[in-house]
Amino acid sequence: MAATAAAKNKAIRQEAIREQLSNGGHIQHVIEIATKLQGQHLELESSAIQALRAAADIKLKLINKYVPDLKAVEHSNDPDNPIGETSDVEIMARIKELMSKHDGK
Protein backbone atom coordinates (compact mmCIF):
# COMPACT_ATOMS: atom_id res chain seq x y z
CA MET A 1 0.00 0.00 0.00
CA ALA A 2 2.90 2.37 0.74
CA ALA A 3 4.26 1.92 -2.79
CA THR A 4 0.88 2.89 -4.22
CA ALA A 5 0.69 6.02 -2.06
CA ALA A 6 4.28 6.89 -2.96
CA ALA A 7 3.53 6.40 -6.66
CA LYS A 8 0.44 8.63 -6.39
CA ASN A 9 2.43 11.32 -4.58
CA LYS A 10 5.16 11.14 -7.21
CA ALA A 11 2.58 11.49 -9.99
CA ILE A 12 1.05 14.50 -8.23
CA ARG A 13 4.47 16.14 -7.83
CA GLN A 14 5.39 15.46 -11.46
CA GLU A 15 2.12 16.95 -12.68
CA ALA A 16 2.65 20.05 -10.54
CA ILE A 17 6.17 20.46 -11.92
CA ARG A 18 4.93 19.98 -15.49
CA GLU A 19 2.37 22.70 -14.91
CA GLN A 20 5.01 24.97 -13.38
CA LEU A 21 7.32 24.39 -16.36
CA SER A 22 4.47 25.10 -18.73
CA ASN A 23 3.46 28.28 -16.89
CA GLY A 24 7.09 29.38 -16.81
CA GLY A 25 7.22 29.26 -20.59
CA HIS A 26 10.40 27.16 -20.65
CA ILE A 27 9.32 24.98 -23.54
CA GLN A 28 8.05 27.96 -25.52
CA HIS A 29 11.32 29.80 -24.88
CA VAL A 30 13.35 26.86 -26.19
CA ILE A 31 11.19 26.85 -29.33
CA GLU A 32 11.70 30.61 -29.74
CA ILE A 33 15.47 30.21 -29.37
CA ALA A 34 15.51 27.43 -31.96
CA THR A 35 13.49 29.55 -34.35
CA LYS A 36 15.77 32.52 -33.80
CA LEU A 37 18.89 30.43 -34.38
CA GLN A 38 17.41 28.89 -37.49
CA GLY A 39 16.25 32.14 -39.04
CA GLN A 40 18.96 34.56 -37.97
CA HIS A 41 22.08 32.47 -37.47
CA LEU A 42 23.98 34.40 -40.13
CA GLU A 43 23.04 37.76 -38.61
CA LEU A 44 23.98 36.86 -35.01
CA GLU A 45 27.45 37.14 -33.60
CA SER A 46 29.19 34.02 -32.35
CA SER A 47 28.84 35.04 -28.70
CA ALA A 48 25.09 35.61 -29.13
CA ILE A 49 24.68 32.19 -30.72
CA GLN A 50 26.61 30.55 -27.89
CA ALA A 51 24.51 32.37 -25.29
CA LEU A 52 21.26 31.30 -26.94
CA ARG A 53 22.43 27.70 -27.20
CA ALA A 54 23.50 27.70 -23.54
CA ALA A 55 20.11 29.08 -22.47
CA ALA A 56 18.29 26.46 -24.53
CA ASP A 57 20.50 23.66 -23.13
CA ILE A 58 19.84 24.74 -19.55
CA LYS A 59 16.09 24.91 -20.12
CA LEU A 60 16.05 21.54 -21.90
CA LYS A 61 17.97 19.93 -19.04
CA LEU A 62 15.46 21.36 -16.58
CA ILE A 63 12.56 20.09 -18.67
CA ASN A 64 14.11 16.64 -19.16
CA LYS A 65 14.78 16.30 -15.44
CA TYR A 66 11.14 16.68 -14.51
CA VAL A 67 9.30 15.51 -17.61
CA PRO A 68 10.34 11.98 -18.50
CA ASP A 69 10.90 10.92 -22.09
CA LEU A 70 7.92 9.12 -23.55
CA LYS A 71 10.03 6.03 -24.17
CA ALA A 72 10.64 5.82 -20.41
CA VAL A 73 6.99 6.09 -19.41
CA GLU A 74 5.45 2.81 -18.38
CA HIS A 75 1.79 2.09 -18.62
CA SER A 76 -0.37 0.07 -16.33
CA ASN A 77 -3.06 -2.15 -17.66
CA ASP A 78 -5.88 0.00 -16.31
CA PRO A 79 -9.18 -1.81 -16.88
CA ASP A 80 -11.02 1.52 -17.01
CA ASN A 81 -8.72 2.79 -19.79
CA PRO A 82 -7.67 -0.22 -21.82
CA ILE A 83 -4.94 0.11 -24.38
CA GLY A 84 -6.15 -1.04 -27.73
CA GLU A 85 -5.04 -0.92 -31.29
CA THR A 86 -6.45 1.81 -33.47
CA SER A 87 -6.78 1.30 -37.19
CA ASP A 88 -5.57 3.83 -39.75
CA VAL A 89 -9.18 4.47 -40.72
CA GLU A 90 -10.09 5.32 -37.13
CA ILE A 91 -7.07 7.60 -36.80
CA MET A 92 -7.91 9.43 -40.03
CA ALA A 93 -11.53 9.84 -38.94
CA ARG A 94 -10.38 11.30 -35.62
CA ILE A 95 -8.00 13.69 -37.38
CA LYS A 96 -10.77 14.86 -39.71
CA GLU A 97 -13.08 15.35 -36.72
CA LEU A 98 -10.50 17.43 -34.87
CA MET A 99 -9.65 19.45 -37.97
CA SER A 100 -13.31 20.23 -38.59
CA LYS A 101 -13.65 21.44 -34.98
CA HIS A 102 -10.54 23.59 -35.41
CA ASP A 103 -11.74 25.03 -38.72
CA GLY A 104 -15.11 25.85 -37.18
CA LYS A 105 -13.52 28.22 -34.63
PDB file of N, CA and C in Angstrom:
ATOM      1  N   MET A   1       0.821  -1.201   0.000  1.00  0.00           N
ATOM      2  CA  MET A   1       0.000   0.000   0.000  1.00  0.00           C
ATOM      3  C   MET A   1       0.862   1.261   0.000  1.00  0.00           C
ATOM      4  N   ALA A   2       2.016   1.205   0.682  1.00  0.00           N
ATOM      5  CA  ALA A   2       2.897   2.371   0.736  1.00  0.00           C
ATOM      6  C   ALA A   2       3.442   2.708  -0.647  1.00  0.00           C
ATOM      7  N   ALA A   3       3.744   1.679  -1.441  1.00  0.00           N
ATOM      8  CA  ALA A   3       4.256   1.920  -2.786  1.00  0.00           C
ATOM      9  C   ALA A   3       3.205   2.626  -3.631  1.00  0.00           C
ATOM     10  N   THR A   4       1.958   2.262  -3.467  1.00  0.00           N
ATOM     11  CA  THR A   4       0.884   2.887  -4.221  1.00  0.00           C
ATOM     12  C   THR A   4       0.744   4.359  -3.820  1.00  0.00           C
ATOM     13  N   ALA A   5       0.789   4.640  -2.530  1.00  0.00           N
ATOM     14  CA  ALA A   5       0.695   6.017  -2.058  1.00  0.00           C
ATOM     15  C   ALA A   5       1.909   6.824  -2.541  1.00  0.00           C
ATOM     16  N   ALA A   6       3.075   6.208  -2.497  1.00  0.00           N
ATOM     17  CA  ALA A   6       4.282   6.886  -2.962  1.00  0.00           C
ATOM     18  C   ALA A   6       4.186   7.170  -4.460  1.00  0.00           C
ATOM     19  N   ALA A   7       3.676   6.215  -5.215  1.00  0.00           N
ATOM     20  CA  ALA A   7       3.529   6.401  -6.657  1.00  0.00           C
ATOM     21  C   ALA A   7       2.527   7.517  -6.959  1.00  0.00           C
ATOM     22  N   LYS A   8       1.430   7.566  -6.191  1.00  0.00           N
ATOM     23  CA  LYS A   8       0.440   8.633  -6.389  1.00  0.00           C
ATOM     24  C   LYS A   8       1.037   9.989  -6.055  1.00  0.00           C
ATOM     25  N   ASN A   9       1.789  10.055  -4.961  1.00  0.00           N
ATOM     26  CA  ASN A   9       2.430  11.316  -4.577  1.00  0.00           C
ATOM     27  C   ASN A   9       3.429  11.769  -5.632  1.00  0.00           C
ATOM     28  N   LYS A  10       4.196  10.810  -6.171  1.00  0.00           N
ATOM     29  CA  LYS A  10       5.165  11.138  -7.213  1.00  0.00           C
ATOM     30  C   LYS A  10       4.453  11.678  -8.451  1.00  0.00           C
ATOM     31  N   ALA A  11       3.347  11.040  -8.821  1.00  0.00           N
ATOM     32  CA  ALA A  11       2.584  11.489  -9.991  1.00  0.00           C
ATOM     33  C   ALA A  11       2.036  12.893  -9.771  1.00  0.00           C
ATOM     34  N   ILE A  12       1.579  13.170  -8.555  1.00  0.00           N
ATOM     35  CA  ILE A  12       1.047  14.500  -8.233  1.00  0.00           C
ATOM     36  C   ILE A  12       2.157  15.542  -8.323  1.00  0.00           C
ATOM     37  N   ARG A  13       3.339  15.212  -7.771  1.00  0.00           N
ATOM     38  CA  ARG A  13       4.470  16.144  -7.834  1.00  0.00           C
ATOM     39  C   ARG A  13       4.904  16.384  -9.275  1.00  0.00           C
ATOM     40  N   GLN A  14       4.983  15.311 -10.066  1.00  0.00           N
ATOM     41  CA  GLN A  14       5.390  15.459 -11.462  1.00  0.00           C
ATOM     42  C   GLN A  14       4.404  16.326 -12.236  1.00  0.00           C
ATOM     43  N   GLU A  15       3.128  16.143 -11.992  1.00  0.00           N
ATOM     44  CA  GLU A  15       2.121  16.947 -12.684  1.00  0.00           C
ATOM     45  C   GLU A  15       2.229  18.417 -12.283  1.00  0.00           C
ATOM     46  N   ALA A  16       2.486  18.667 -11.008  1.00  0.00           N
ATOM     47  CA  ALA A  16       2.649  20.046 -10.545  1.00  0.00           C
ATOM     48  C   ALA A  16       3.878  20.687 -11.189  1.00  0.00           C
ATOM     49  N   ILE A  17       4.952  19.929 -11.301  1.00  0.00           N
ATOM     50  CA  ILE A  17       6.168  20.458 -11.916  1.00  0.00           C
ATOM     51  C   ILE A  17       5.958  20.683 -13.404  1.00  0.00           C
ATOM     52  N   ARG A  18       5.240  19.777 -14.068  1.00  0.00           N
ATOM     53  CA  ARG A  18       4.932  19.975 -15.493  1.00  0.00           C
ATOM     54  C   ARG A  18       4.146  21.269 -15.687  1.00  0.00           C
ATOM     55  N   GLU A  19       3.173  21.487 -14.812  1.00  0.00           N
ATOM     56  CA  GLU A  19       2.367  22.702 -14.912  1.00  0.00           C
ATOM     57  C   GLU A  19       3.229  23.940 -14.666  1.00  0.00           C
ATOM     58  N   GLN A  20       4.115  23.851 -13.678  1.00  0.00           N
ATOM     59  CA  GLN A  20       5.006  24.970 -13.381  1.00  0.00           C
ATOM     60  C   GLN A  20       5.931  25.255 -14.568  1.00  0.00           C
ATOM     61  N   LEU A  21       6.461  24.204 -15.185  1.00  0.00           N
ATOM     62  CA  LEU A  21       7.318  24.389 -16.356  1.00  0.00           C
ATOM     63  C   LEU A  21       6.531  25.019 -17.502  1.00  0.00           C
ATOM     64  N   SER A  22       5.309  24.569 -17.666  1.00  0.00           N
ATOM     65  CA  SER A  22       4.467  25.105 -18.729  1.00  0.00           C
ATOM     66  C   SER A  22       4.146  26.574 -18.466  1.00  0.00           C
ATOM     67  N   ASN A  23       3.785  26.892 -17.234  1.00  0.00           N
ATOM     68  CA  ASN A  23       3.456  28.277 -16.889  1.00  0.00           C
ATOM     69  C   ASN A  23       4.686  29.183 -16.970  1.00  0.00           C
ATOM     70  N   GLY A  24       5.862  28.610 -16.730  1.00  0.00           N
ATOM     71  CA  GLY A  24       7.091  29.376 -16.807  1.00  0.00           C
ATOM     72  C   GLY A  24       7.533  29.664 -18.223  1.00  0.00           C
ATOM     73  N   GLY A  25       6.909  29.014 -19.181  1.00  0.00           N
ATOM     74  CA  GLY A  25       7.219  29.259 -20.586  1.00  0.00           C
ATOM     75  C   GLY A  25       8.549  28.685 -21.046  1.00  0.00           C
ATOM     76  N   HIS A  26       9.097  27.720 -20.302  1.00  0.00           N
ATOM     77  CA  HIS A  26      10.403  27.159 -20.651  1.00  0.00           C
ATOM     78  C   HIS A  26      10.395  26.492 -22.016  1.00  0.00           C
ATOM     79  N   ILE A  27       9.389  25.694 -22.262  1.00  0.00           N
ATOM     80  CA  ILE A  27       9.316  24.981 -23.535  1.00  0.00           C
ATOM     81  C   ILE A  27       9.144  25.977 -24.681  1.00  0.00           C
ATOM     82  N   GLN A  28       8.265  26.948 -24.486  1.00  0.00           N
ATOM     83  CA  GLN A  28       8.050  27.962 -25.523  1.00  0.00           C
ATOM     84  C   GLN A  28       9.328  28.747 -25.767  1.00  0.00           C
ATOM     85  N   HIS A  29      10.075  29.045 -24.710  1.00  0.00           N
ATOM     86  CA  HIS A  29      11.322  29.802 -24.878  1.00  0.00           C
ATOM     87  C   HIS A  29      12.347  29.002 -25.675  1.00  0.00           C
ATOM     88  N   VAL A  30      12.432  27.702 -25.428  1.00  0.00           N
ATOM     89  CA  VAL A  30      13.353  26.857 -26.194  1.00  0.00           C
ATOM     90  C   VAL A  30      12.963  26.870 -27.673  1.00  0.00           C
ATOM     91  N   ILE A  31      11.664  26.813 -27.941  1.00  0.00           N
ATOM     92  CA  ILE A  31      11.190  26.854 -29.330  1.00  0.00           C
ATOM     93  C   ILE A  31      11.539  28.205 -29.968  1.00  0.00           C
ATOM     94  N   GLU A  32      11.360  29.290 -29.221  1.00  0.00           N
ATOM     95  CA  GLU A  32      11.698  30.615 -29.737  1.00  0.00           C
ATOM     96  C   GLU A  32      13.194  30.728 -30.029  1.00  0.00           C
ATOM     97  N   ILE A  33      14.020  30.184 -29.155  1.00  0.00           N
ATOM     98  CA  ILE A  33      15.470  30.211 -29.367  1.00  0.00           C
ATOM     99  C   ILE A  33      15.832  29.435 -30.625  1.00  0.00           C
ATOM    100  N   ALA A  34      15.226  28.251 -30.775  1.00  0.00           N
ATOM    101  CA  ALA A  34      15.512  27.430 -31.957  1.00  0.00           C
ATOM    102  C   ALA A  34      15.101  28.155 -33.233  1.00  0.00           C
ATOM    103  N   THR A  35      13.959  28.799 -33.193  1.00  0.00           N
ATOM    104  CA  THR A  35      13.487  29.554 -34.353  1.00  0.00           C
ATOM    105  C   THR A  35      14.435  30.714 -34.660  1.00  0.00           C
ATOM    106  N   LYS A  36      14.858  31.393 -33.618  1.00  0.00           N
ATOM    107  CA  LYS A  36      15.770  32.517 -33.802  1.00  0.00           C
ATOM    108  C   LYS A  36      17.100  32.053 -34.386  1.00  0.00           C
ATOM    109  N   LEU A  37      17.623  30.951 -33.862  1.00  0.00           N
ATOM    110  CA  LEU A  37      18.888  30.429 -34.379  1.00  0.00           C
ATOM    111  C   LEU A  37      18.750  29.979 -35.829  1.00  0.00           C
ATOM    112  N   GLN A  38      17.621  29.375 -36.132  1.00  0.00           N
ATOM    113  CA  GLN A  38      17.406  28.887 -37.489  1.00  0.00           C
ATOM    114  C   GLN A  38      17.271  30.042 -38.479  1.00  0.00           C
ATOM    115  N   GLY A  39      16.533  31.064 -38.096  1.00  0.00           N
ATOM    116  CA  GLY A  39      16.254  32.143 -39.035  1.00  0.00           C
ATOM    117  C   GLY A  39      17.302  33.224 -39.097  1.00  0.00           C
ATOM    118  N   GLN A  40      18.050  33.426 -38.013  1.00  0.00           N
ATOM    119  CA  GLN A  40      18.965  34.556 -37.971  1.00  0.00           C
ATOM    120  C   GLN A  40      20.404  34.159 -37.671  1.00  0.00           C
ATOM    121  N   HIS A  41      20.741  32.912 -37.860  1.00  0.00           N
ATOM    122  CA  HIS A  41      22.082  32.467 -37.466  1.00  0.00           C
ATOM    123  C   HIS A  41      23.200  33.212 -38.198  1.00  0.00           C
ATOM    124  N   LEU A  42      22.940  33.677 -39.391  1.00  0.00           N
ATOM    125  CA  LEU A  42      23.978  34.405 -40.129  1.00  0.00           C
ATOM    126  C   LEU A  42      24.106  35.848 -39.650  1.00  0.00           C
ATOM    127  N   GLU A  43      23.039  36.386 -39.057  1.00  0.00           N
ATOM    128  CA  GLU A  43      23.043  37.762 -38.605  1.00  0.00           C
ATOM    129  C   GLU A  43      23.553  37.904 -37.178  1.00  0.00           C
ATOM    130  N   LEU A  44      23.572  36.812 -36.412  1.00  0.00           N
ATOM    131  CA  LEU A  44      23.978  36.862 -35.012  1.00  0.00           C
ATOM    132  C   LEU A  44      25.491  36.684 -34.881  1.00  0.00           C
ATOM    133  N   GLU A  45      26.032  37.320 -33.879  1.00  0.00           N
ATOM    134  CA  GLU A  45      27.451  37.139 -33.597  1.00  0.00           C
ATOM    135  C   GLU A  45      27.648  35.808 -32.887  1.00  0.00           C
ATOM    136  N   SER A  46      28.863  35.315 -32.942  1.00  0.00           N
ATOM    137  CA  SER A  46      29.190  34.021 -32.355  1.00  0.00           C
ATOM    138  C   SER A  46      28.840  33.964 -30.870  1.00  0.00           C
ATOM    139  N   SER A  47      29.130  35.030 -30.140  1.00  0.00           N
ATOM    140  CA  SER A  47      28.841  35.042 -28.701  1.00  0.00           C
ATOM    141  C   SER A  47      27.337  34.994 -28.437  1.00  0.00           C
ATOM    142  N   ALA A  48      26.548  35.642 -29.288  1.00  0.00           N
ATOM    143  CA  ALA A  48      25.088  35.612 -29.131  1.00  0.00           C
ATOM    144  C   ALA A  48      24.549  34.214 -29.410  1.00  0.00           C
ATOM    145  N   ILE A  49      25.094  33.560 -30.408  1.00  0.00           N
ATOM    146  CA  ILE A  49      24.679  32.192 -30.725  1.00  0.00           C
ATOM    147  C   ILE A  49      25.009  31.258 -29.566  1.00  0.00           C
ATOM    148  N   GLN A  50      26.215  31.396 -29.022  1.00  0.00           N
ATOM    149  CA  GLN A  50      26.611  30.552 -27.889  1.00  0.00           C
ATOM    150  C   GLN A  50      25.723  30.793 -26.677  1.00  0.00           C
ATOM    151  N   ALA A  51      25.370  32.049 -26.429  1.00  0.00           N
ATOM    152  CA  ALA A  51      24.508  32.372 -25.293  1.00  0.00           C
ATOM    153  C   ALA A  51      23.113  31.777 -25.475  1.00  0.00           C
ATOM    154  N   LEU A  52      22.583  31.873 -26.672  1.00  0.00           N
ATOM    155  CA  LEU A  52      21.260  31.301 -26.944  1.00  0.00           C
ATOM    156  C   LEU A  52      21.288  29.780 -26.794  1.00  0.00           C
ATOM    157  N   ARG A  53      22.317  29.160 -27.317  1.00  0.00           N
ATOM    158  CA  ARG A  53      22.434  27.702 -27.195  1.00  0.00           C
ATOM    159  C   ARG A  53      22.556  27.275 -25.733  1.00  0.00           C
ATOM    160  N   ALA A  54      23.340  28.021 -24.957  1.00  0.00           N
ATOM    161  CA  ALA A  54      23.501  27.696 -23.537  1.00  0.00           C
ATOM    162  C   ALA A  54      22.169  27.825 -22.804  1.00  0.00           C
ATOM    163  N   ALA A  55      21.420  28.883 -23.098  1.00  0.00           N
ATOM    164  CA  ALA A  55      20.110  29.079 -22.466  1.00  0.00           C
ATOM    165  C   ALA A  55      19.165  27.940 -22.829  1.00  0.00           C
ATOM    166  N   ALA A  56      19.158  27.567 -24.099  1.00  0.00           N
ATOM    167  CA  ALA A  56      18.295  26.464 -24.534  1.00  0.00           C
ATOM    168  C   ALA A  56      18.713  25.154 -23.869  1.00  0.00           C
ATOM    169  N   ASP A  57      20.008  24.889 -23.777  1.00  0.00           N
ATOM    170  CA  ASP A  57      20.496  23.662 -23.134  1.00  0.00           C
ATOM    171  C   ASP A  57      20.086  23.596 -21.677  1.00  0.00           C
ATOM    172  N   ILE A  58      20.214  24.713 -20.970  1.00  0.00           N
ATOM    173  CA  ILE A  58      19.836  24.741 -19.553  1.00  0.00           C
ATOM    174  C   ILE A  58      18.347  24.469 -19.400  1.00  0.00           C
ATOM    175  N   LYS A  59      17.532  25.116 -20.205  1.00  0.00           N
ATOM    176  CA  LYS A  59      16.087  24.912 -20.117  1.00  0.00           C
ATOM    177  C   LYS A  59      15.701  23.477 -20.489  1.00  0.00           C
ATOM    178  N   LEU A  60      16.354  22.920 -21.512  1.00  0.00           N
ATOM    179  CA  LEU A  60      16.052  21.535 -21.896  1.00  0.00           C
ATOM    180  C   LEU A  60      16.445  20.554 -20.800  1.00  0.00           C
ATOM    181  N   LYS A  61      17.566  20.806 -20.136  1.00  0.00           N
ATOM    182  CA  LYS A  61      17.974  19.934 -19.037  1.00  0.00           C
ATOM    183  C   LYS A  61      16.970  20.003 -17.898  1.00  0.00           C
ATOM    184  N   LEU A  62      16.475  21.187 -17.610  1.00  0.00           N
ATOM    185  CA  LEU A  62      15.461  21.355 -16.576  1.00  0.00           C
ATOM    186  C   LEU A  62      14.184  20.616 -16.953  1.00  0.00           C
ATOM    187  N   ILE A  63      13.767  20.774 -18.192  1.00  0.00           N
ATOM    188  CA  ILE A  63      12.559  20.095 -18.673  1.00  0.00           C
ATOM    189  C   ILE A  63      12.741  18.584 -18.611  1.00  0.00           C
ATOM    190  N   ASN A  64      13.870  18.090 -19.124  1.00  0.00           N
ATOM    191  CA  ASN A  64      14.114  16.643 -19.157  1.00  0.00           C
ATOM    192  C   ASN A  64      14.235  16.034 -17.770  1.00  0.00           C
ATOM    193  N   LYS A  65      14.659  16.821 -16.804  1.00  0.00           N
ATOM    194  CA  LYS A  65      14.784  16.301 -15.441  1.00  0.00           C
ATOM    195  C   LYS A  65      13.421  15.983 -14.851  1.00  0.00           C
ATOM    196  N   TYR A  66      12.443  16.825 -15.142  1.00  0.00           N
ATOM    197  CA  TYR A  66      11.137  16.679 -14.509  1.00  0.00           C
ATOM    198  C   TYR A  66      10.066  16.079 -15.393  1.00  0.00           C
ATOM    199  N   VAL A  67      10.269  16.103 -16.684  1.00  0.00           N
ATOM    200  CA  VAL A  67       9.301  15.513 -17.608  1.00  0.00           C
ATOM    201  C   VAL A  67       9.987  14.352 -18.303  1.00  0.00           C
ATOM    202  N   PRO A  68       9.641  13.133 -17.932  1.00  0.00           N
ATOM    203  CA  PRO A  68      10.342  11.976 -18.504  1.00  0.00           C
ATOM    204  C   PRO A  68      10.092  11.826 -20.001  1.00  0.00           C
ATOM    205  N   ASP A  69      11.071  11.236 -20.672  1.00  0.00           N
ATOM    206  CA  ASP A  69      10.901  10.922 -22.085  1.00  0.00           C
ATOM    207  C   ASP A  69       9.756   9.934 -22.233  1.00  0.00           C
ATOM    208  N   LEU A  70       9.047  10.028 -23.336  1.00  0.00           N
ATOM    209  CA  LEU A  70       7.922   9.121 -23.549  1.00  0.00           C
ATOM    210  C   LEU A  70       8.364   7.669 -23.604  1.00  0.00           C
ATOM    211  N   LYS A  71       9.578   7.416 -24.090  1.00  0.00           N
ATOM    212  CA  LYS A  71      10.031   6.034 -24.168  1.00  0.00           C
ATOM    213  C   LYS A  71      10.250   5.440 -22.778  1.00  0.00           C
ATOM    214  N   ALA A  72      10.393   6.302 -21.759  1.00  0.00           N
ATOM    215  CA  ALA A  72      10.641   5.824 -20.408  1.00  0.00           C
ATOM    216  C   ALA A  72       9.361   5.714 -19.587  1.00  0.00           C
ATOM    217  N   VAL A  73       8.240   6.127 -20.143  1.00  0.00           N
ATOM    218  CA  VAL A  73       6.990   6.089 -19.412  1.00  0.00           C
ATOM    219  C   VAL A  73       6.388   4.698 -19.530  1.00  0.00           C
ATOM    220  N   GLU A  74       6.078   4.130 -18.385  1.00  0.00           N
ATOM    221  CA  GLU A  74       5.453   2.814 -18.380  1.00  0.00           C
ATOM    222  C   GLU A  74       3.946   3.000 -18.264  1.00  0.00           C
ATOM    223  N   HIS A  75       3.238   2.031 -18.756  1.00  0.00           N
ATOM    224  CA  HIS A  75       1.792   2.087 -18.622  1.00  0.00           C
ATOM    225  C   HIS A  75       1.333   0.923 -17.771  1.00  0.00           C
ATOM    226  N   SER A  76       0.243   1.160 -17.082  1.00  0.00           N
ATOM    227  CA  SER A  76      -0.365   0.074 -16.325  1.00  0.00           C
ATOM    228  C   SER A  76      -1.577  -0.385 -17.115  1.00  0.00           C
ATOM    229  N   ASN A  77      -1.916  -1.599 -16.948  1.00  0.00           N
ATOM    230  CA  ASN A  77      -3.061  -2.148 -17.662  1.00  0.00           C
ATOM    231  C   ASN A  77      -4.318  -1.786 -16.895  1.00  0.00           C
ATOM    232  N   ASP A  78      -4.718  -0.519 -17.018  1.00  0.00           N
ATOM    233  CA  ASP A  78      -5.877   0.003 -16.313  1.00  0.00           C
ATOM    234  C   ASP A  78      -7.144  -0.518 -16.991  1.00  0.00           C
ATOM    235  N   PRO A  79      -7.969  -1.267 -16.256  1.00  0.00           N
ATOM    236  CA  PRO A  79      -9.176  -1.814 -16.880  1.00  0.00           C
ATOM    237  C   PRO A  79     -10.172  -0.728 -17.292  1.00  0.00           C
ATOM    238  N   ASP A  80     -10.116   0.439 -16.641  1.00  0.00           N
ATOM    239  CA  ASP A  80     -11.021   1.521 -17.010  1.00  0.00           C
ATOM    240  C   ASP A  80     -10.582   2.231 -18.288  1.00  0.00           C
ATOM    241  N   ASN A  81      -9.278   2.167 -18.596  1.00  0.00           N
ATOM    242  CA  ASN A  81      -8.722   2.790 -19.791  1.00  0.00           C
ATOM    243  C   ASN A  81      -7.849   1.787 -20.535  1.00  0.00           C
ATOM    244  N   PRO A  82      -8.465   0.818 -21.159  1.00  0.00           N
ATOM    245  CA  PRO A  82      -7.668  -0.216 -21.820  1.00  0.00           C
ATOM    246  C   PRO A  82      -6.893   0.336 -23.009  1.00  0.00           C
ATOM    247  N   ILE A  83      -5.748  -0.260 -23.229  1.00  0.00           N
ATOM    248  CA  ILE A  83      -4.936   0.111 -24.381  1.00  0.00           C
ATOM    249  C   ILE A  83      -5.329  -0.816 -25.520  1.00  0.00           C
ATOM    250  N   GLY A  84      -5.732  -0.228 -26.599  1.00  0.00           N
ATOM    251  CA  GLY A  84      -6.151  -1.039 -27.728  1.00  0.00           C
ATOM    252  C   GLY A  84      -5.519  -0.533 -29.002  1.00  0.00           C
ATOM    253  N   GLU A  85      -5.585  -1.328 -30.008  1.00  0.00           N
ATOM    254  CA  GLU A  85      -5.042  -0.920 -31.289  1.00  0.00           C
ATOM    255  C   GLU A  85      -6.074  -0.068 -32.016  1.00  0.00           C
ATOM    256  N   THR A  86      -5.590   0.933 -32.704  1.00  0.00           N
ATOM    257  CA  THR A  86      -6.455   1.812 -33.473  1.00  0.00           C
ATOM    258  C   THR A  86      -6.068   1.683 -34.934  1.00  0.00           C
ATOM    259  N   SER A  87      -7.062   1.476 -35.769  1.00  0.00           N
ATOM    260  CA  SER A  87      -6.781   1.300 -37.195  1.00  0.00           C
ATOM    261  C   SER A  87      -6.484   2.649 -37.834  1.00  0.00           C
ATOM    262  N   ASP A  88      -5.864   2.603 -38.999  1.00  0.00           N
ATOM    263  CA  ASP A  88      -5.570   3.827 -39.751  1.00  0.00           C
ATOM    264  C   ASP A  88      -6.850   4.577 -40.087  1.00  0.00           C
ATOM    265  N   VAL A  89      -7.897   3.837 -40.381  1.00  0.00           N
ATOM    266  CA  VAL A  89      -9.176   4.467 -40.722  1.00  0.00           C
ATOM    267  C   VAL A  89      -9.714   5.239 -39.522  1.00  0.00           C
ATOM    268  N   GLU A  90      -9.628   4.644 -38.334  1.00  0.00           N
ATOM    269  CA  GLU A  90     -10.093   5.317 -37.125  1.00  0.00           C
ATOM    270  C   GLU A  90      -9.264   6.557 -36.828  1.00  0.00           C
ATOM    271  N   ILE A  91      -7.956   6.458 -37.036  1.00  0.00           N
ATOM    272  CA  ILE A  91      -7.072   7.601 -36.796  1.00  0.00           C
ATOM    273  C   ILE A  91      -7.410   8.733 -37.767  1.00  0.00           C
ATOM    274  N   MET A  92      -7.581   8.409 -39.037  1.00  0.00           N
ATOM    275  CA  MET A  92      -7.910   9.430 -40.028  1.00  0.00           C
ATOM    276  C   MET A  92      -9.259  10.079 -39.729  1.00  0.00           C
ATOM    277  N   ALA A  93     -10.223   9.282 -39.291  1.00  0.00           N
ATOM    278  CA  ALA A  93     -11.534   9.836 -38.943  1.00  0.00           C
ATOM    279  C   ALA A  93     -11.410  10.791 -37.767  1.00  0.00           C
ATOM    280  N   ARG A  94     -10.593  10.429 -36.791  1.00  0.00           N
ATOM    281  CA  ARG A  94     -10.385  11.296 -35.618  1.00  0.00           C
ATOM    282  C   ARG A  94      -9.675  12.589 -36.023  1.00  0.00           C
ATOM    283  N   ILE A  95      -8.697  12.494 -36.902  1.00  0.00           N
ATOM    284  CA  ILE A  95      -7.996  13.686 -37.384  1.00  0.00           C
ATOM    285  C   ILE A  95      -8.962  14.616 -38.105  1.00  0.00           C
ATOM    286  N   LYS A  96      -9.795  14.050 -38.984  1.00  0.00           N
ATOM    287  CA  LYS A  96     -10.768  14.862 -39.707  1.00  0.00           C
ATOM    288  C   LYS A  96     -11.742  15.537 -38.741  1.00  0.00           C
ATOM    289  N   GLU A  97     -12.164  14.795 -37.725  1.00  0.00           N
ATOM    290  CA  GLU A  97     -13.078  15.348 -36.723  1.00  0.00           C
ATOM    291  C   GLU A  97     -12.431  16.533 -35.994  1.00  0.00           C
ATOM    292  N   LEU A  98     -11.192  16.356 -35.580  1.00  0.00           N
ATOM    293  CA  LEU A  98     -10.500  17.432 -34.871  1.00  0.00           C
ATOM    294  C   LEU A  98     -10.242  18.625 -35.766  1.00  0.00           C
ATOM    295  N   MET A  99      -9.899  18.360 -37.028  1.00  0.00           N
ATOM    296  CA  MET A  99      -9.654  19.450 -37.967  1.00  0.00           C
ATOM    297  C   MET A  99     -10.928  20.236 -38.240  1.00  0.00           C
ATOM    298  N   SER A 100     -12.056  19.534 -38.343  1.00  0.00           N
ATOM    299  CA  SER A 100     -13.310  20.226 -38.587  1.00  0.00           C
ATOM    300  C   SER A 100     -13.705  21.093 -37.386  1.00  0.00           C
ATOM    301  N   LYS A 101     -13.388  20.631 -36.174  1.00  0.00           N
ATOM    302  CA  LYS A 101     -13.650  21.435 -34.981  1.00  0.00           C
ATOM    303  C   LYS A 101     -12.755  22.671 -34.984  1.00  0.00           C
ATOM    304  N   HIS A 102     -11.503  22.477 -35.387  1.00  0.00           N
ATOM    305  CA  HIS A 102     -10.541  23.589 -35.411  1.00  0.00           C
ATOM    306  C   HIS A 102     -10.957  24.605 -36.469  1.00  0.00           C
ATOM    307  N   ASP A 103     -11.365  24.132 -37.634  1.00  0.00           N
ATOM    308  CA  ASP A 103     -11.742  25.034 -38.724  1.00  0.00           C
ATOM    309  C   ASP A 103     -13.034  25.797 -38.399  1.00  0.00           C
ATOM    310  N   GLY A 104     -13.853  25.214 -37.555  1.00  0.00           N
ATOM    311  CA  GLY A 104     -15.115  25.854 -37.180  1.00  0.00           C
ATOM    312  C   GLY A 104     -14.938  27.001 -36.215  1.00  0.00           C
ATOM    313  N   LYS A 105     -13.749  27.147 -35.622  1.00  0.00           N
ATOM    314  CA  LYS A 105     -13.522  28.217 -34.633  1.00  0.00           C
ATOM    315  C   LYS A 105     -13.325  29.537 -35.289  1.00  0.00           C
TER     316      LYS A 105
END
